[in-house]
Protein backbone atom coordinates (compact mmCIF):
# COMPACT_ATOMS: atom_id res chain seq x y z
CA UNK A 1 -6.95 -22.67 11.21
CA UNK A 2 -3.68 -20.99 12.19
CA UNK A 3 -2.19 -18.13 10.21
CA UNK A 4 1.38 -17.43 9.23
CA UNK A 5 2.87 -15.00 11.75
CA UNK A 6 4.79 -13.18 9.03
CA UNK A 7 2.43 -12.70 6.09
CA UNK A 8 -0.94 -13.60 7.57
CA UNK A 9 -1.73 -16.35 5.06
CA UNK A 10 -3.83 -19.21 6.32
CA UNK A 11 -1.78 -22.31 7.06
CA UNK A 12 -2.89 -25.74 5.83
CA UNK A 13 -4.86 -27.97 8.14
CA UNK A 14 -3.00 -30.03 10.73
CA UNK A 15 -0.16 -27.48 10.79
CA UNK A 16 0.44 -27.91 14.51
CA UNK A 17 3.31 -25.89 15.86
CA UNK A 18 4.05 -24.21 12.54
CA UNK A 19 4.44 -20.44 12.50
CA UNK A 20 5.60 -19.73 8.95
CA UNK A 21 3.93 -20.79 5.75
CA UNK A 22 5.95 -22.51 3.04
CA UNK A 23 5.80 -19.37 0.92
CA UNK A 24 7.56 -17.30 3.62
CA UNK A 25 10.10 -20.07 4.28
CA UNK A 26 11.06 -20.06 0.61
CA UNK A 27 11.10 -16.27 0.52
CA UNK A 28 13.51 -16.06 3.46
CA UNK A 29 15.71 -18.71 1.88
CA UNK A 30 15.84 -16.73 -1.34
CA UNK A 31 16.69 -13.56 0.60
CA UNK A 32 19.66 -15.43 2.12
CA UNK A 33 20.81 -16.39 -1.35
CA UNK A 34 20.07 -20.08 -0.98
CA UNK A 35 19.29 -21.96 -4.16
CA UNK A 36 15.81 -23.51 -4.23
CA UNK A 37 15.67 -25.51 -7.49
CA UNK A 38 12.24 -27.02 -6.96
CA UNK A 39 10.31 -23.74 -6.75
CA UNK A 40 11.40 -20.17 -7.16
CA UNK A 41 9.90 -17.40 -5.09
CA UNK A 42 7.50 -15.41 -7.22
CA UNK A 43 7.82 -11.63 -7.20
CA UNK A 44 4.82 -9.48 -6.46
CA UNK A 45 2.49 -9.94 -9.43
CA UNK A 46 1.92 -6.21 -9.90
CA UNK A 47 5.61 -5.37 -10.01
CA UNK A 48 6.91 -7.99 -12.42
CA UNK A 49 7.65 -5.19 -14.86
CA UNK A 50 7.83 -2.46 -12.25
CA UNK A 51 9.19 0.89 -13.23
CA UNK A 52 10.32 3.60 -10.87
CA UNK A 53 9.18 6.23 -13.33
CA UNK A 54 6.44 8.61 -12.16
CA UNK A 55 5.67 9.91 -15.62
CA UNK A 56 1.87 9.75 -15.23
CA UNK A 57 1.88 11.29 -11.75
CA UNK A 58 4.15 14.05 -12.99
CA UNK A 59 1.95 14.58 -16.05
CA UNK A 60 -1.25 14.87 -14.01
CA UNK A 61 0.43 17.24 -11.58
CA UNK A 62 1.73 19.31 -14.49
CA UNK A 63 -1.74 19.62 -16.02
CA UNK A 64 -3.20 20.81 -12.71
CA UNK A 65 -0.46 23.38 -12.23
CA UNK A 66 -0.75 24.56 -15.86
CA UNK A 67 -4.51 25.09 -15.47
CA UNK A 68 -3.93 26.97 -12.21
CA UNK A 69 -1.35 29.26 -13.84
CA UNK A 70 -3.59 29.81 -16.88
CA UNK A 71 -6.49 30.84 -14.61
CA UNK A 72 -4.18 33.16 -12.69
CA UNK A 73 -2.92 34.79 -15.89
CA UNK A 74 -6.53 35.03 -17.09
CA UNK A 75 -7.40 37.30 -14.19
CA UNK A 76 -9.01 34.77 -11.84
CA UNK A 77 -8.34 35.50 -8.17
CA UNK A 78 -6.54 32.20 -7.58
CA UNK A 79 -4.54 33.50 -4.62
CA UNK A 80 -7.78 34.25 -2.79
CA UNK A 81 -11.25 32.79 -3.33
CA UNK A 82 -12.22 32.79 -7.02
CA UNK A 83 -15.80 33.65 -7.92
CA UNK A 84 -18.32 31.01 -8.88
CA UNK A 85 -18.69 32.54 -12.32
CA UNK A 86 -14.96 32.25 -12.97
CA UNK A 87 -14.88 28.61 -11.87
CA UNK A 88 -17.87 27.76 -14.07
CA UNK A 89 -16.18 29.48 -17.01
CA UNK A 90 -13.13 27.24 -16.58
CA UNK A 91 -15.12 24.02 -16.24
CA UNK A 92 -16.29 23.53 -12.65
CA UNK A 93 -18.89 20.87 -11.91
CA UNK A 94 -22.25 22.66 -11.50
CA UNK A 95 -25.43 20.57 -11.56
CA UNK A 96 -27.72 22.87 -13.59
CA UNK A 97 -25.15 23.02 -16.39
CA UNK A 98 -23.67 19.53 -16.14
CA UNK A 99 -27.03 17.74 -16.11
CA UNK A 100 -28.27 19.99 -18.92
CA UNK A 101 -25.76 18.43 -21.28
CA UNK A 102 -22.31 19.75 -20.34
CA UNK A 103 -21.14 16.37 -19.08
CA UNK A 104 -17.53 17.22 -19.86
CA UNK A 105 -17.56 19.17 -16.59
CA UNK A 106 -17.38 15.84 -14.73
CA UNK A 107 -13.82 15.55 -16.04
CA UNK A 108 -12.62 19.14 -16.28
CA UNK A 109 -13.53 19.94 -12.67
CA UNK A 110 -10.88 17.54 -11.34
CA UNK A 111 -8.16 19.73 -12.86
CA UNK A 112 -9.49 22.98 -11.39
CA UNK A 113 -8.78 24.28 -7.90
CA UNK A 114 -10.21 27.00 -5.72
CA UNK A 115 -7.03 28.71 -4.61
CA UNK A 116 -3.34 28.34 -3.86
CA UNK A 117 -3.80 26.40 -0.62
CA UNK A 118 -6.28 24.03 -2.26
CA UNK A 119 -4.01 23.05 -5.14
CA UNK A 120 -0.95 22.93 -2.88
CA UNK A 121 -2.42 20.33 -0.53
CA UNK A 122 -3.96 18.30 -3.34
CA UNK A 123 -0.75 18.13 -5.35
CA UNK A 124 1.17 17.08 -2.23
CA UNK A 125 -1.29 14.22 -1.75
CA UNK A 126 -1.14 13.29 -5.44
CA UNK A 127 2.65 13.11 -5.34
CA UNK A 128 2.72 11.08 -2.12
CA UNK A 129 0.12 8.51 -3.19
CA UNK A 130 0.84 8.58 -6.92
CA UNK A 131 4.46 7.47 -6.57
CA UNK A 132 3.27 4.33 -4.76
CA UNK A 133 0.22 3.58 -6.90
CA UNK A 134 1.98 4.09 -10.23
CA UNK A 135 4.70 1.60 -9.28
CA UNK A 136 2.10 -0.93 -8.09
CA UNK A 137 -0.30 -0.71 -11.03
CA UNK A 138 1.83 0.52 -13.90
CA UNK A 139 1.41 3.69 -15.91
CA UNK A 140 -1.71 3.18 -18.00
CA UNK A 141 -3.68 1.33 -15.31
CA UNK A 142 -2.85 4.03 -12.75
CA UNK A 143 -3.93 6.79 -15.14
CA UNK A 144 -7.21 5.02 -15.96
CA UNK A 145 -8.05 4.32 -12.30
CA UNK A 146 -7.34 7.97 -11.50
CA UNK A 147 -9.63 9.30 -14.23
CA UNK A 148 -12.48 6.85 -13.57
CA UNK A 149 -12.31 7.61 -9.83
CA UNK A 150 -12.38 11.33 -10.60
CA UNK A 151 -15.48 10.93 -12.76
CA UNK A 152 -17.15 8.85 -10.04
CA UNK A 153 -16.34 11.55 -7.49
CA UNK A 154 -17.92 14.21 -9.70
CA UNK A 155 -21.04 12.07 -10.16
CA UNK A 156 -21.35 11.45 -6.42
CA UNK A 157 -21.11 15.18 -5.81
CA UNK A 158 -23.94 15.85 -8.28
CA UNK A 159 -26.14 13.13 -6.84
CA UNK A 160 -25.67 14.33 -3.26
CA UNK A 161 -26.02 18.06 -3.88
CA UNK A 162 -26.47 19.18 -7.49
CA UNK A 163 -26.73 22.92 -6.77
CA UNK A 164 -23.18 23.45 -5.55
CA UNK A 165 -20.01 24.19 -7.46
CA UNK A 166 -17.44 21.44 -7.05
CA UNK A 167 -13.77 21.61 -8.04
CA UNK A 168 -10.59 19.81 -7.11
CA UNK A 169 -8.56 16.66 -7.68
CA UNK A 170 -9.08 15.07 -4.28
CA UNK A 171 -11.96 12.81 -5.39
CA UNK A 172 -9.59 11.17 -7.89
CA UNK A 173 -6.85 11.09 -5.24
CA UNK A 174 -9.23 9.30 -2.87
CA UNK A 175 -9.78 6.78 -5.67
CA UNK A 176 -6.05 6.08 -5.77
CA UNK A 177 -6.04 5.68 -1.97
CA UNK A 178 -8.94 3.21 -2.23
CA UNK A 179 -7.16 1.19 -4.92
CA UNK A 180 -4.02 1.01 -2.76
CA UNK A 181 -6.00 -0.16 0.28
CA UNK A 182 -7.60 -2.92 -1.81
CA UNK A 183 -4.25 -3.96 -3.25
CA UNK A 184 -2.56 -4.13 0.15
CA UNK A 185 -5.34 -6.25 1.64
CA UNK A 186 -6.06 -8.52 -1.32
CA UNK A 187 -2.83 -8.58 -3.31
CA UNK A 188 0.07 -11.00 -3.12
CA UNK A 189 3.37 -9.24 -2.45
CA UNK A 190 6.80 -10.86 -2.22
CA UNK A 191 7.57 -9.01 1.02
CA UNK A 192 6.02 -9.89 4.38
CA UNK A 193 2.90 -8.08 5.53
CA UNK A 194 4.90 -6.32 8.25
CA UNK A 195 6.91 -4.53 5.58
CA UNK A 196 3.72 -3.18 4.01
CA UNK A 197 1.99 -2.19 7.23
CA UNK A 198 3.61 1.24 7.45
CA UNK A 199 2.45 2.28 3.98
CA UNK A 200 -0.99 0.80 4.52
CA UNK A 201 -1.30 2.62 7.83
CA UNK A 202 -0.41 5.93 6.17
CA UNK A 203 -3.04 5.46 3.45
CA UNK A 204 -5.69 4.48 6.00
CA UNK A 205 -4.86 7.54 8.13
CA UNK A 206 -5.08 9.72 5.02
CA UNK A 207 -8.59 8.44 4.25
CA UNK A 208 -9.89 8.59 7.82
CA UNK A 209 -8.37 11.99 8.58
CA UNK A 210 -9.75 13.66 5.49
CA UNK A 211 -13.20 12.09 5.67
CA UNK A 212 -13.51 13.22 9.29
CA UNK A 213 -12.43 16.79 8.66
CA UNK A 214 -14.41 16.85 5.44
CA UNK A 215 -17.52 16.14 7.51
CA UNK A 216 -16.59 18.95 9.90
CA UNK A 217 -15.87 21.60 7.25
CA UNK A 218 -18.98 22.72 5.38
CA UNK A 219 -17.12 23.83 2.25
CA UNK A 220 -15.54 20.43 1.65
CA UNK A 221 -17.25 18.17 -0.87
CA UNK A 222 -17.14 14.91 1.10
CA UNK A 223 -19.56 13.26 -1.32
CA UNK A 224 -16.88 13.50 -3.99
CA UNK A 225 -14.33 11.99 -1.60
CA UNK A 226 -16.60 9.02 -0.85
CA UNK A 227 -17.53 8.51 -4.52
CA UNK A 228 -13.89 8.41 -5.58
CA UNK A 229 -12.90 6.17 -2.65
CA UNK A 230 -15.60 3.58 -3.38
CA UNK A 231 -14.70 3.39 -7.06
CA UNK A 232 -11.01 3.03 -6.20
CA UNK A 233 -11.75 0.24 -3.72
CA UNK A 234 -13.83 -1.59 -6.33
CA UNK A 235 -11.29 -1.30 -9.14
CA UNK A 236 -8.37 -2.16 -6.85
CA UNK A 237 -10.14 -5.27 -5.55
CA UNK A 238 -11.08 -6.46 -9.04
CA UNK A 239 -7.56 -5.94 -10.36
CA UNK A 240 -6.07 -7.79 -7.39
CA UNK A 241 -8.32 -10.82 -7.90
CA UNK A 242 -8.87 -10.87 -11.67
CA UNK A 243 -5.88 -9.22 -13.35
CA UNK A 244 -2.94 -8.88 -10.95
CA UNK A 245 -0.21 -9.17 -13.58
CA UNK A 246 0.96 -6.36 -15.85
CA UNK A 247 0.69 -8.77 -18.75
CA UNK A 248 -3.01 -9.44 -18.03
CA UNK A 249 -3.91 -6.70 -20.50
CA UNK A 250 -7.24 -8.09 -21.64
CA UNK A 251 -8.46 -8.79 -18.12
CA UNK A 252 -7.38 -5.37 -16.91
CA UNK A 253 -9.22 -3.70 -19.76
CA UNK A 254 -12.32 -5.70 -18.81
CA UNK A 255 -12.02 -4.66 -15.15
CA UNK A 256 -11.57 -1.00 -16.01
CA UNK A 257 -14.46 -1.24 -18.45
CA UNK A 258 -16.64 -2.17 -15.47
CA UNK A 259 -15.75 1.19 -13.93
CA UNK A 260 -16.49 3.01 -17.18
CA UNK A 261 -19.89 1.30 -17.46
CA UNK A 262 -20.74 2.21 -13.87
CA UNK A 263 -19.93 5.85 -14.60
CA UNK A 264 -21.97 5.75 -17.81
CA UNK A 265 -24.87 4.18 -15.92
CA UNK A 266 -24.66 6.92 -13.32
CA UNK A 267 -24.74 9.58 -16.01
CA UNK A 268 -27.82 8.01 -17.61
CA UNK A 269 -29.61 7.71 -14.27
CA UNK A 270 -28.76 11.28 -13.34
CA UNK A 271 -29.89 12.59 -16.71
CA UNK A 272 -33.27 10.90 -16.41
CA UNK A 273 -33.92 11.64 -12.75
CA UNK A 274 -32.61 15.20 -12.50
CA UNK A 275 -32.86 16.68 -15.99
CA UNK A 276 -36.26 18.23 -15.34
CA UNK A 277 -35.03 19.90 -12.16
CA UNK A 278 -32.62 22.19 -13.98
CA UNK A 279 -32.74 24.14 -17.15
CA UNK A 280 -29.86 26.27 -18.35
CA UNK A 281 -31.52 29.67 -17.67
CA UNK A 282 -32.60 28.55 -14.21
CA UNK A 283 -29.16 27.17 -13.47
CA UNK A 284 -27.42 30.40 -14.41
CA UNK A 285 -29.98 32.25 -12.32
CA UNK A 286 -28.90 30.23 -9.29
CA UNK A 287 -25.32 31.17 -9.98
CA UNK A 288 -26.12 34.87 -10.39
CA UNK A 289 -28.17 35.24 -7.20
CA UNK A 290 -25.13 35.78 -5.04
CA UNK A 291 -21.87 34.22 -3.94
CA UNK A 292 -21.83 30.65 -5.09
CA UNK A 293 -21.55 27.77 -2.67
CA UNK A 294 -18.22 26.50 -3.93
CA UNK A 295 -17.24 23.11 -2.57
CA UNK A 296 -13.62 22.19 -2.90
CA UNK A 297 -12.85 18.57 -3.45
CA UNK A 298 -11.03 18.79 -0.15
CA UNK A 299 -7.76 20.26 1.05
CA UNK A 300 -6.40 17.02 2.44
CA UNK A 301 -3.17 16.22 4.14
CA UNK A 302 -1.21 13.00 4.16
CA UNK A 303 -0.35 12.29 7.80
CA UNK A 304 2.47 9.82 8.05
CA UNK A 305 2.78 9.32 4.28
């Protein structure tokens, strides 16, 4: 079957010679101010109650900066490379301690950074992607996707290499990028696909660029990037297909609960499979042997965003 040249939707059968779907024809008529009494053009389902406010993005950024300043005032060498002991003290993700029962580190580590350059790049990415994602998904959905993606990133880091220190917000940021990719491909927007292609291209470049350089740089925790990205793709796809509207509160809660259950299942699996590998004294012994292998959750850039 032929596809609409403007939005890419599949045209009905026997649409010989047609280039635009009826949806785009009506949309263009509405843009010209023509009255179409038989069917109005629906707005994008995610932005029916869209707000330009970035309150959640600003709040998350503020928490990260506040933690950074607190660590700096507490004597941590945040302008250079902080020690592994200092990062663990502030809540870094470290397998021997996390798996031994300090599961809160899965969350706290996404608000901790390993230096000025690290937090600077991550907050730039958060601001660039957050302003788009928060307007698409709304405040509370955006915040929940961010946190669940961050937890998934921390879990993926532990599963891949549980004896490293992992800090940084980029796993959660990758989750937001994944959710945006899913929304752009699967969602229904009132503007033609061509108008979205620039933003989609920027997000795709962000993901590809940082995964590539993450694989090249040994001190980048690419497992966290991939874990956050996969969770974001899953949640974004489910929201697009199951609960696209802001008023679909119950369905959105159910979708996000799927992410929570996956994280909980990962914690249970990790606890059973890895608990015997680490005990608290042994874990602290690994940390005290020498300079810790600290993996930053990436120092990504946002090319073209």
